[in-house]
Amino acid sequence: MKTIAIVSEGITDQVFLEELIFQCVDFEEEPEFVYAQPVRDATHQHTAPHGGWELVFEYCETRFIDAVQANDYAIIQIDTDCGDHPNFALDLSPGGCDKDDETLVRETIDILKRKVGADLLNRFGEKIIFAVCVHSIESWILLCVYGADKKKNSFSHLVRQVGNRDFRKDAQAYEAISQHLRFKNFKLHTDGVGSLAIFITDFVSKVEGCSRREK
């Protein structure tokens, strides 16, 4: 059985990514997912402080070798919504014009590659899969569950779609909502050039024994 490590901003990102992959990719043998960052135990509770893009960067700089040496593949997930922060250094809207998904994903991957370092990239590059969400995992949830293309303020849009002001960003809530992923929405939005499509293309091109589900 292949193992796939997930390095992500938080536990909710892990929950949705895993369900997304299992529902939208066909495997000759289903893989096992390993939660590298943040680590979670059997009760799906954090065993580390909040995730976030800064901890993804830190993990890539200091501990990523653990993920790629111990597993067959490693996914690095990150949102672009904080790209304008000086420590992220991703210019989202140069001259007031929003960059397209392809550009944002490419530039974010370049940043992540620098964090990982040339040595690990040379040794394990074909094992590394990039999940760059423009601008957050909630934007992918909106696409896959509701067919709504809302890249900015996606969590607020998600709360309105759910229709529950008390909806919170926790593992249980995201596990529940991921069960409503609609394949027709996924198929529609992975045939284009958006960030979700780029991730799925990268995943199926690198992971042996899998293919994009067509129906």
C-alpha atoms as a PDB file:
ATOM      1  CA  MET A   1       0.000   0.000   0.000  1.00  0.00           C
ATOM      2  CA  LYS A   2       1.326   3.417  -0.956  1.00  0.00           C
ATOM      3  CA  THR A   3       1.425   6.148   1.683  1.00  0.00           C
ATOM      4  CA  ILE A   4       0.872   9.829   0.941  1.00  0.00           C
ATOM      5  CA  ALA A   5       1.895  12.458   3.480  1.00  0.00           C
ATOM      6  CA  ILE A   6      -0.103  15.674   3.693  1.00  0.00           C
ATOM      7  CA  VAL A   7       1.624  18.880   4.767  1.00  0.00           C
ATOM      8  CA  SER A   8      -1.164  21.439   5.067  1.00  0.00           C
ATOM      9  CA  GLU A   9      -2.255  24.630   6.739  1.00  0.00           C
ATOM     10  CA  GLY A  10      -4.657  22.853   9.049  1.00  0.00           C
ATOM     11  CA  ILE A  11      -6.664  19.797   9.894  1.00  0.00           C
ATOM     12  CA  THR A  12      -9.692  20.924   7.854  1.00  0.00           C
ATOM     13  CA  ASP A  13      -7.541  21.094   4.729  1.00  0.00           C
ATOM     14  CA  GLN A  14      -6.412  17.503   5.354  1.00  0.00           C
ATOM     15  CA  VAL A  15      -9.998  16.344   5.812  1.00  0.00           C
ATOM     16  CA  PHE A  16     -11.241  17.836   2.570  1.00  0.00           C
ATOM     17  CA  LEU A  17      -8.194  16.921   0.480  1.00  0.00           C
ATOM     18  CA  GLU A  18      -8.432  13.278   1.478  1.00  0.00           C
ATOM     19  CA  GLU A  19     -12.138  13.070   0.651  1.00  0.00           C
ATOM     20  CA  LEU A  20     -11.643  14.995  -2.602  1.00  0.00           C
ATOM     21  CA  ILE A  21      -8.968  12.569  -3.746  1.00  0.00           C
ATOM     22  CA  PHE A  22     -10.891   9.429  -2.819  1.00  0.00           C
ATOM     23  CA  GLN A  23     -14.043  10.624  -4.588  1.00  0.00           C
ATOM     24  CA  CYS A  24     -12.416  11.982  -7.727  1.00  0.00           C
ATOM     25  CA  VAL A  25      -9.471   9.666  -8.424  1.00  0.00           C
ATOM     26  CA  ASP A  26      -9.562   5.959  -9.275  1.00  0.00           C
ATOM     27  CA  PHE A  27      -6.814   3.831  -7.692  1.00  0.00           C
ATOM     28  CA  GLU A  28      -5.616   0.361  -8.509  1.00  0.00           C
ATOM     29  CA  GLU A  29      -4.954   0.148  -4.758  1.00  0.00           C
ATOM     30  CA  GLU A  30      -6.169   2.872  -2.404  1.00  0.00           C
ATOM     31  CA  PRO A  31      -3.350   4.695  -0.581  1.00  0.00           C
ATOM     32  CA  GLU A  32      -3.069   5.524   3.082  1.00  0.00           C
ATOM     33  CA  PHE A  33      -2.787   9.184   4.054  1.00  0.00           C
ATOM     34  CA  VAL A  34      -0.320  10.298   6.710  1.00  0.00           C
ATOM     35  CA  TYR A  35      -0.819  13.649   8.429  1.00  0.00           C
ATOM     36  CA  ALA A  36       2.592  15.244   8.618  1.00  0.00           C
ATOM     37  CA  GLN A  37       1.632  18.844   9.365  1.00  0.00           C
ATOM     38  CA  PRO A  38      -0.354  19.383  11.476  1.00  0.00           C
ATOM     39  CA  VAL A  39      -0.248  15.986  13.158  1.00  0.00           C
ATOM     40  CA  ARG A  40      -3.605  14.685  14.395  1.00  0.00           C
ATOM     41  CA  ASP A  41      -4.454  11.719  16.531  1.00  0.00           C
ATOM     42  CA  ALA A  42      -7.202   9.135  16.284  1.00  0.00           C
ATOM     43  CA  THR A  43      -9.794  11.539  17.661  1.00  0.00           C
ATOM     44  CA  HIS A  44      -8.961  14.142  14.991  1.00  0.00           C
ATOM     45  CA  GLN A  45      -7.719  16.671  17.498  1.00  0.00           C
ATOM     46  CA  HIS A  46      -4.715  18.887  16.982  1.00  0.00           C
ATOM     47  CA  THR A  47      -1.529  17.691  18.591  1.00  0.00           C
ATOM     48  CA  ALA A  48       0.177  20.928  17.585  1.00  0.00           C
ATOM     49  CA  PRO A  49      -0.842  24.587  17.605  1.00  0.00           C
ATOM     50  CA  HIS A  50      -2.805  26.097  14.726  1.00  0.00           C
ATOM     51  CA  GLY A  51      -1.447  25.288  11.293  1.00  0.00           C
ATOM     52  CA  GLY A  52      -1.371  28.137   8.797  1.00  0.00           C
ATOM     53  CA  TRP A  53       0.884  29.062   5.903  1.00  0.00           C
ATOM     54  CA  GLU A  54       3.765  30.060   8.183  1.00  0.00           C
ATOM     55  CA  LEU A  55       3.920  26.575   9.703  1.00  0.00           C
ATOM     56  CA  VAL A  56       3.781  25.038   6.225  1.00  0.00           C
ATOM     57  CA  PHE A  57       6.818  27.138   5.294  1.00  0.00           C
ATOM     58  CA  GLU A  58       8.555  26.183   8.533  1.00  0.00           C
ATOM     59  CA  TYR A  59       7.882  22.481   8.000  1.00  0.00           C
ATOM     60  CA  CYS A  60       9.171  22.635   4.422  1.00  0.00           C
ATOM     61  CA  GLU A  61      12.352  24.341   5.592  1.00  0.00           C
ATOM     62  CA  THR A  62      13.104  22.140   8.587  1.00  0.00           C
ATOM     63  CA  ARG A  63      11.299  18.790   8.507  1.00  0.00           C
ATOM     64  CA  PHE A  64      10.123  18.041   4.986  1.00  0.00           C
ATOM     65  CA  ILE A  65      12.757  15.352   4.589  1.00  0.00           C
ATOM     66  CA  ASP A  66      10.812  13.330   7.183  1.00  0.00           C
ATOM     67  CA  ALA A  67       7.712  13.309   4.966  1.00  0.00           C
ATOM     68  CA  VAL A  68       9.411  12.389   1.696  1.00  0.00           C
ATOM     69  CA  GLN A  69      11.728   9.760   3.132  1.00  0.00           C
ATOM     70  CA  ALA A  70       9.037   7.934   5.101  1.00  0.00           C
ATOM     71  CA  ASN A  71       6.295   7.979   2.436  1.00  0.00           C
ATOM     72  CA  ASP A  72       5.804   7.269  -1.234  1.00  0.00           C
ATOM     73  CA  TYR A  73       4.501  10.777  -1.961  1.00  0.00           C
ATOM     74  CA  ALA A  74       3.987  14.062  -0.147  1.00  0.00           C
ATOM     75  CA  ILE A  75       1.352  16.714  -0.804  1.00  0.00           C
ATOM     76  CA  ILE A  76       2.104  20.304   0.174  1.00  0.00           C
ATOM     77  CA  GLN A  77      -1.123  22.297   0.564  1.00  0.00           C
ATOM     78  CA  ILE A  78      -1.211  26.053   1.010  1.00  0.00           C
ATOM     79  CA  ASP A  79      -3.701  28.890   0.460  1.00  0.00           C
ATOM     80  CA  THR A  80      -2.776  32.063  -1.401  1.00  0.00           C
ATOM     81  CA  ASP A  81      -5.036  34.455   0.511  1.00  0.00           C
ATOM     82  CA  CYS A  82      -2.146  35.737   2.645  1.00  0.00           C
ATOM     83  CA  GLY A  83       0.212  36.025  -0.291  1.00  0.00           C
ATOM     84  CA  ASP A  84       0.646  39.774   0.139  1.00  0.00           C
ATOM     85  CA  HIS A  85       2.162  39.291   3.597  1.00  0.00           C
ATOM     86  CA  PRO A  86       5.880  40.238   3.507  1.00  0.00           C
ATOM     87  CA  ASN A  87       6.879  36.794   4.790  1.00  0.00           C
ATOM     88  CA  PHE A  88       4.884  35.108   2.034  1.00  0.00           C
ATOM     89  CA  ALA A  89       6.065  37.497  -0.687  1.00  0.00           C
ATOM     90  CA  LEU A  90       3.481  36.652  -3.326  1.00  0.00           C
ATOM     91  CA  ASP A  91       2.125  39.732  -5.094  1.00  0.00           C
ATOM     92  CA  LEU A  92      -1.539  38.873  -5.633  1.00  0.00           C
ATOM     93  CA  SER A  93      -2.604  41.954  -7.587  1.00  0.00           C
ATOM     94  CA  PRO A  94       0.272  43.845  -9.210  1.00  0.00           C
ATOM     95  CA  GLY A  95      -0.921  47.243 -10.348  1.00  0.00           C
ATOM     96  CA  GLY A  96      -4.376  46.447  -8.986  1.00  0.00           C
ATOM     97  CA  CYS A  97      -4.940  43.578 -11.449  1.00  0.00           C
ATOM     98  CA  ASP A  98      -5.545  40.112 -10.004  1.00  0.00           C
ATOM     99  CA  LYS A  99      -3.210  37.429 -11.287  1.00  0.00           C
ATOM    100  CA  ASP A 100      -4.777  34.399 -12.925  1.00  0.00           C
ATOM    101  CA  ASP A 101      -4.750  31.007 -11.210  1.00  0.00           C
ATOM    102  CA  GLU A 102      -1.964  29.568 -13.345  1.00  0.00           C
ATOM    103  CA  THR A 103       0.373  32.432 -12.465  1.00  0.00           C
ATOM    104  CA  LEU A 104      -0.467  32.342  -8.756  1.00  0.00           C
ATOM    105  CA  VAL A 105      -0.009  28.585  -8.571  1.00  0.00           C
ATOM    106  CA  ARG A 106       3.287  28.681 -10.466  1.00  0.00           C
ATOM    107  CA  GLU A 107       4.709  31.502  -8.333  1.00  0.00           C
ATOM    108  CA  THR A 108       3.538  29.857  -5.091  1.00  0.00           C
ATOM    109  CA  ILE A 109       5.121  26.553  -6.113  1.00  0.00           C
ATOM    110  CA  ASP A 110       8.362  28.422  -6.800  1.00  0.00           C
ATOM    111  CA  ILE A 111       8.229  29.808  -3.247  1.00  0.00           C
ATOM    112  CA  LEU A 112       7.541  26.352  -1.800  1.00  0.00           C
ATOM    113  CA  LYS A 113      10.389  24.855  -3.802  1.00  0.00           C
ATOM    114  CA  ARG A 114      12.775  27.406  -2.345  1.00  0.00           C
ATOM    115  CA  LYS A 115      11.579  26.463   1.140  1.00  0.00           C
ATOM    116  CA  VAL A 116      12.110  22.756   0.441  1.00  0.00           C
ATOM    117  CA  GLY A 117      15.531  23.384  -1.064  1.00  0.00           C
ATOM    118  CA  ALA A 118      17.330  22.265  -4.198  1.00  0.00           C
ATOM    119  CA  ASP A 119      18.838  19.148  -2.629  1.00  0.00           C
ATOM    120  CA  LEU A 120      15.500  17.583  -1.651  1.00  0.00           C
ATOM    121  CA  LEU A 121      13.918  18.650  -4.936  1.00  0.00           C
ATOM    122  CA  ASN A 122      16.665  16.912  -6.882  1.00  0.00           C
ATOM    123  CA  ARG A 123      16.283  13.748  -4.808  1.00  0.00           C
ATOM    124  CA  PHE A 124      12.517  13.589  -4.343  1.00  0.00           C
ATOM    125  CA  GLY A 125      10.949  16.031  -6.818  1.00  0.00           C
ATOM    126  CA  GLU A 126       8.761  13.409  -8.510  1.00  0.00           C
ATOM    127  CA  LYS A 127       7.270  12.469  -5.128  1.00  0.00           C
ATOM    128  CA  ILE A 128       6.133  16.015  -4.291  1.00  0.00           C
ATOM    129  CA  ILE A 129       2.602  17.130  -5.224  1.00  0.00           C
ATOM    130  CA  PHE A 130       1.517  20.737  -4.843  1.00  0.00           C
ATOM    131  CA  ALA A 131      -2.017  21.713  -3.775  1.00  0.00           C
ATOM    132  CA  VAL A 132      -2.122  25.497  -4.097  1.00  0.00           C
ATOM    133  CA  CYS A 133      -5.609  26.802  -3.333  1.00  0.00           C
ATOM    134  CA  VAL A 134      -6.601  30.103  -4.931  1.00  0.00           C
ATOM    135  CA  HIS A 135      -7.357  31.568  -2.547  1.00  0.00           C
ATOM    136  CA  SER A 136      -8.339  29.010   0.112  1.00  0.00           C
ATOM    137  CA  ILE A 137      -9.508  25.430   0.572  1.00  0.00           C
ATOM    138  CA  GLU A 138     -13.002  26.872   1.052  1.00  0.00           C
ATOM    139  CA  SER A 139     -12.941  28.079  -2.559  1.00  0.00           C
ATOM    140  CA  TRP A 140     -12.437  24.440  -3.627  1.00  0.00           C
ATOM    141  CA  ILE A 141     -15.251  23.307  -1.335  1.00  0.00           C
ATOM    142  CA  LEU A 142     -17.563  25.907  -2.869  1.00  0.00           C
ATOM    143  CA  LEU A 143     -16.684  24.644  -6.354  1.00  0.00           C
ATOM    144  CA  CYS A 144     -17.036  20.948  -5.580  1.00  0.00           C
ATOM    145  CA  VAL A 145     -20.061  21.034  -3.290  1.00  0.00           C
ATOM    146  CA  TYR A 146     -22.065  24.023  -4.518  1.00  0.00           C
ATOM    147  CA  GLY A 147     -20.668  24.763  -7.981  1.00  0.00           C
ATOM    148  CA  ALA A 148     -19.955  28.311  -6.809  1.00  0.00           C
ATOM    149  CA  ASP A 149     -16.834  30.110  -8.042  1.00  0.00           C
ATOM    150  CA  LYS A 150     -15.970  32.406  -5.127  1.00  0.00           C
ATOM    151  CA  LYS A 151     -12.225  32.806  -4.697  1.00  0.00           C
ATOM    152  CA  LYS A 152     -12.257  35.760  -2.308  1.00  0.00           C
ATOM    153  CA  ASN A 153     -13.829  35.709   1.173  1.00  0.00           C
ATOM    154  CA  SER A 154     -14.603  32.061   0.525  1.00  0.00           C
ATOM    155  CA  PHE A 155     -15.242  31.097   4.132  1.00  0.00           C
ATOM    156  CA  SER A 156     -17.944  33.789   4.451  1.00  0.00           C
ATOM    157  CA  HIS A 157     -19.526  32.558   1.219  1.00  0.00           C
ATOM    158  CA  LEU A 158     -19.367  28.992   2.534  1.00  0.00           C
ATOM    159  CA  VAL A 159     -21.113  29.935   5.772  1.00  0.00           C
ATOM    160  CA  ARG A 160     -23.909  31.534   3.745  1.00  0.00           C
ATOM    161  CA  GLN A 161     -24.211  28.465   1.520  1.00  0.00           C
ATOM    162  CA  VAL A 162     -24.366  26.159   4.525  1.00  0.00           C
ATOM    163  CA  GLY A 163     -27.036  28.425   6.004  1.00  0.00           C
ATOM    164  CA  ASN A 164     -25.724  28.133   9.532  1.00  0.00           C
ATOM    165  CA  ARG A 165     -24.102  31.122  11.206  1.00  0.00           C
ATOM    166  CA  ASP A 166     -22.583  28.771  13.775  1.00  0.00           C
ATOM    167  CA  PHE A 167     -20.698  26.794  11.104  1.00  0.00           C
ATOM    168  CA  ARG A 168     -17.119  26.558  12.285  1.00  0.00           C
ATOM    169  CA  LYS A 169     -13.800  25.558  10.814  1.00  0.00           C
ATOM    170  CA  ASP A 170     -13.270  22.196  12.508  1.00  0.00           C
ATOM    171  CA  ALA A 171     -12.610  18.643  11.376  1.00  0.00           C
ATOM    172  CA  GLN A 172     -16.087  17.322  12.093  1.00  0.00           C
ATOM    173  CA  ALA A 173     -17.822  20.067  10.114  1.00  0.00           C
ATOM    174  CA  TYR A 174     -15.489  19.693   7.155  1.00  0.00           C
ATOM    175  CA  GLU A 175     -15.824  15.914   7.151  1.00  0.00           C
ATOM    176  CA  ALA A 176     -19.595  16.342   7.007  1.00  0.00           C
ATOM    177  CA  ILE A 177     -19.591  18.889   4.208  1.00  0.00           C
ATOM    178  CA  SER A 178     -17.084  16.921   2.145  1.00  0.00           C
ATOM    179  CA  GLN A 179     -19.596  14.072   1.963  1.00  0.00           C
ATOM    180  CA  HIS A 180     -21.732  16.335  -0.252  1.00  0.00           C
ATOM    181  CA  LEU A 181     -19.084  16.761  -2.929  1.00  0.00           C
ATOM    182  CA  ARG A 182     -20.845  16.525  -6.289  1.00  0.00           C
ATOM    183  CA  PHE A 183     -18.928  14.804  -9.033  1.00  0.00           C
ATOM    184  CA  LYS A 184     -20.491  16.911 -11.789  1.00  0.00           C
ATOM    185  CA  ASN A 185     -19.148  20.053 -10.095  1.00  0.00           C
ATOM    186  CA  PHE A 186     -15.724  18.510  -9.617  1.00  0.00           C
ATOM    187  CA  LYS A 187     -15.620  17.360 -13.254  1.00  0.00           C
ATOM    188  CA  LEU A 188     -16.648  20.790 -14.528  1.00  0.00           C
ATOM    189  CA  HIS A 189     -13.963  22.609 -12.576  1.00  0.00           C
ATOM    190  CA  THR A 190     -11.112  20.184 -13.184  1.00  0.00           C
ATOM    191  CA  ASP A 191     -11.326  20.345 -16.952  1.00  0.00           C
ATOM    192  CA  GLY A 192     -10.090  23.933 -16.949  1.00  0.00           C
ATOM    193  CA  VAL A 193      -7.012  25.814 -15.783  1.00  0.00           C
ATOM    194  CA  GLY A 194      -8.042  26.759 -12.245  1.00  0.00           C
ATOM    195  CA  SER A 195      -6.015  25.872  -9.181  1.00  0.00           C
ATOM    196  CA  LEU A 196      -8.146  22.795  -8.430  1.00  0.00           C
ATOM    197  CA  ALA A 197      -7.572  21.428 -11.925  1.00  0.00           C
ATOM    198  CA  ILE A 198      -3.840  22.082 -11.641  1.00  0.00           C
ATOM    199  CA  PHE A 199      -3.665  20.090  -8.390  1.00  0.00           C
ATOM    200  CA  ILE A 200      -5.571  17.086  -9.726  1.00  0.00           C
ATOM    201  CA  THR A 201      -3.447  17.047 -12.883  1.00  0.00           C
ATOM    202  CA  ASP A 202      -0.265  17.117 -10.790  1.00  0.00           C
ATOM    203  CA  PHE A 203      -1.589  14.352  -8.531  1.00  0.00           C
ATOM    204  CA  VAL A 204      -2.565  11.855 -11.229  1.00  0.00           C
ATOM    205  CA  SER A 205       0.602  12.545 -13.244  1.00  0.00           C
ATOM    206  CA  LYS A 206       2.857  11.637 -10.306  1.00  0.00           C
ATOM    207  CA  VAL A 207       1.038   8.961  -8.306  1.00  0.00           C
ATOM    208  CA  GLU A 208       1.433   5.538  -9.904  1.00  0.00           C
ATOM    209  CA  GLY A 209      -1.612   3.372 -10.386  1.00  0.00           C
ATOM    210  CA  CYS A 210      -4.247   6.099 -10.426  1.00  0.00           C
ATOM    211  CA  SER A 211      -6.307   8.049 -12.938  1.00  0.00           C
ATOM    212  CA  ARG A 212      -8.792  10.876 -12.946  1.00  0.00           C
ATOM    213  CA  ARG A 213     -12.315   9.550 -12.497  1.00  0.00           C
ATOM    214  CA  GLU A 214     -14.477  10.330 -15.507  1.00  0.00           C
ATOM    215  CA  LYS A 215     -17.923   9.399 -14.216  1.00  0.00           C
END
